[in-house]
Amino acid sequence: MQKQEGLIKLIILIIIAIFVLSFFGISIRSLIEGESFQENFNYVWNSVKSVWQKYLAEPAEYLWNDVFIDLIWNSFIKNLEKIKGGGPSELIENAPSLDFASPSPTQ
């Protein structure tokens, strides 16, 4: 419910912002197509790409390939295939169990 309220608020704010810009005679199209906006946007976009390539691409690739895919996704798929085949998941296979029928070592 909270996300729906946030989405509705965002849509209402966008509509109000468009009305305010229209009231003052500001055209969104002319702003976006303007030369200064294009230059500023290209500068920011190139800066973001540079930061991504220099600092973030390698750690993100490591997290995606070596952590998410290798450790999480492959294990998830393997366990789903086991369950689909009627077998227990690795969690159930490796969980410690208590055998109440056998005597305890202290007896």
Protein backbone atom coordinates (compact mmCIF):
# COMPACT_ATOMS: atom_id res chain seq x y z
CA MET A 1 0.00 0.00 0.00
CA GLN A 2 2.86 2.37 0.82
CA LYS A 3 4.40 2.07 -2.67
CA GLN A 4 1.09 2.79 -4.36
CA GLU A 5 0.67 5.97 -2.33
CA GLY A 6 4.20 7.03 -3.27
CA LEU A 7 3.56 6.40 -6.96
CA ILE A 8 0.31 8.35 -6.90
CA LYS A 9 2.05 11.25 -5.12
CA LEU A 10 4.83 11.23 -7.72
CA ILE A 11 2.34 11.31 -10.60
CA ILE A 12 0.43 14.19 -8.98
CA LEU A 13 3.69 16.13 -8.41
CA ILE A 14 4.71 15.65 -12.04
CA ILE A 15 1.31 16.88 -13.24
CA ILE A 16 1.53 19.92 -10.93
CA ALA A 17 5.06 20.68 -12.15
CA ILE A 18 3.85 20.57 -15.77
CA PHE A 19 0.98 22.95 -14.93
CA VAL A 20 3.36 25.37 -13.18
CA LEU A 21 5.80 25.35 -16.10
CA SER A 22 2.91 25.89 -18.52
CA PHE A 23 1.58 28.76 -16.40
CA PHE A 24 4.92 30.57 -16.67
CA GLY A 25 5.12 29.89 -20.41
CA ILE A 26 8.06 27.49 -20.18
CA SER A 27 8.14 24.83 -22.88
CA ILE A 28 9.65 21.54 -21.77
CA ARG A 29 10.44 20.63 -25.38
CA SER A 30 12.39 23.86 -25.99
CA LEU A 31 14.31 23.31 -22.74
CA ILE A 32 15.31 19.78 -23.66
CA GLU A 33 16.11 20.58 -27.26
CA GLY A 34 18.11 23.67 -26.28
CA GLU A 35 21.83 23.73 -26.93
CA SER A 36 22.83 24.47 -23.33
CA PHE A 37 20.72 21.58 -22.01
CA GLN A 38 22.26 19.21 -24.56
CA GLU A 39 25.78 20.31 -23.62
CA ASN A 40 25.08 19.97 -19.90
CA PHE A 41 23.43 16.59 -20.38
CA ASN A 42 26.33 15.30 -22.49
CA TYR A 43 28.84 16.53 -19.90
CA VAL A 44 27.01 14.80 -17.05
CA TRP A 45 26.48 11.63 -19.09
CA ASN A 46 30.15 11.43 -20.08
CA SER A 47 31.14 11.99 -16.43
CA VAL A 48 28.86 9.19 -15.28
CA LYS A 49 30.26 6.84 -17.94
CA SER A 50 33.81 7.73 -16.91
CA VAL A 51 33.13 7.06 -13.21
CA TRP A 52 31.43 3.78 -14.12
CA GLN A 53 34.34 2.61 -16.29
CA LYS A 54 37.11 3.72 -13.90
CA TYR A 55 35.66 2.81 -10.51
CA LEU A 56 32.43 0.81 -10.63
CA ALA A 57 32.50 -1.58 -13.59
CA GLU A 58 35.03 -4.04 -12.17
CA PRO A 59 33.44 -4.39 -8.69
CA ALA A 60 29.96 -4.62 -10.24
CA GLU A 61 31.14 -7.32 -12.65
CA TYR A 62 32.74 -9.25 -9.77
CA LEU A 63 29.57 -9.02 -7.67
CA TRP A 64 27.38 -10.09 -10.57
CA ASN A 65 29.48 -12.97 -11.91
CA ASP A 66 31.30 -14.33 -8.86
CA VAL A 67 28.78 -13.64 -6.11
CA PHE A 68 25.30 -13.54 -7.58
CA ILE A 69 25.63 -15.98 -10.48
CA ASP A 70 28.12 -18.46 -8.99
CA LEU A 71 27.00 -18.53 -5.38
CA ILE A 72 23.33 -17.62 -5.41
CA TRP A 73 21.79 -18.25 -8.83
CA ASN A 74 23.52 -21.55 -9.65
CA SER A 75 22.70 -22.95 -6.20
CA PHE A 76 19.11 -21.81 -6.57
CA ILE A 77 18.74 -23.53 -9.96
CA LYS A 78 20.46 -26.69 -8.71
CA ASN A 79 18.11 -26.94 -5.71
CA LEU A 80 15.04 -26.25 -7.86
CA GLU A 81 16.05 -29.10 -10.16
CA LYS A 82 16.49 -31.41 -7.15
CA ILE A 83 13.07 -30.47 -5.80
CA LYS A 84 11.50 -30.86 -9.25
CA GLY A 85 12.99 -34.36 -9.43
CA GLY A 86 11.40 -35.24 -6.09
CA GLY A 87 14.53 -35.06 -3.99
CA PRO A 88 15.31 -32.93 -0.97
CA SER A 89 17.07 -29.58 -1.28
CA GLU A 90 20.64 -29.16 -0.10
CA LEU A 91 19.36 -27.34 2.97
CA ILE A 92 17.34 -30.36 4.05
CA GLU A 93 20.16 -32.79 3.14
CA ASN A 94 22.76 -30.90 5.16
CA ALA A 95 20.63 -29.85 8.13
CA PRO A 96 21.60 -31.50 11.40
CA SER A 97 19.10 -34.00 12.66
CA LEU A 98 18.41 -35.65 15.98
CA ASP A 99 17.93 -39.37 16.25
CA PHE A 100 15.84 -40.01 19.34
CA ALA A 101 15.87 -43.80 18.89
CA SER A 102 19.60 -44.29 19.50
CA PRO A 103 21.01 -43.97 23.03
CA SER A 104 22.98 -40.87 23.91
CA PRO A 105 26.77 -41.23 24.35
CA THR A 106 26.56 -40.42 28.07
CA GLN A 107 24.33 -43.43 28.88
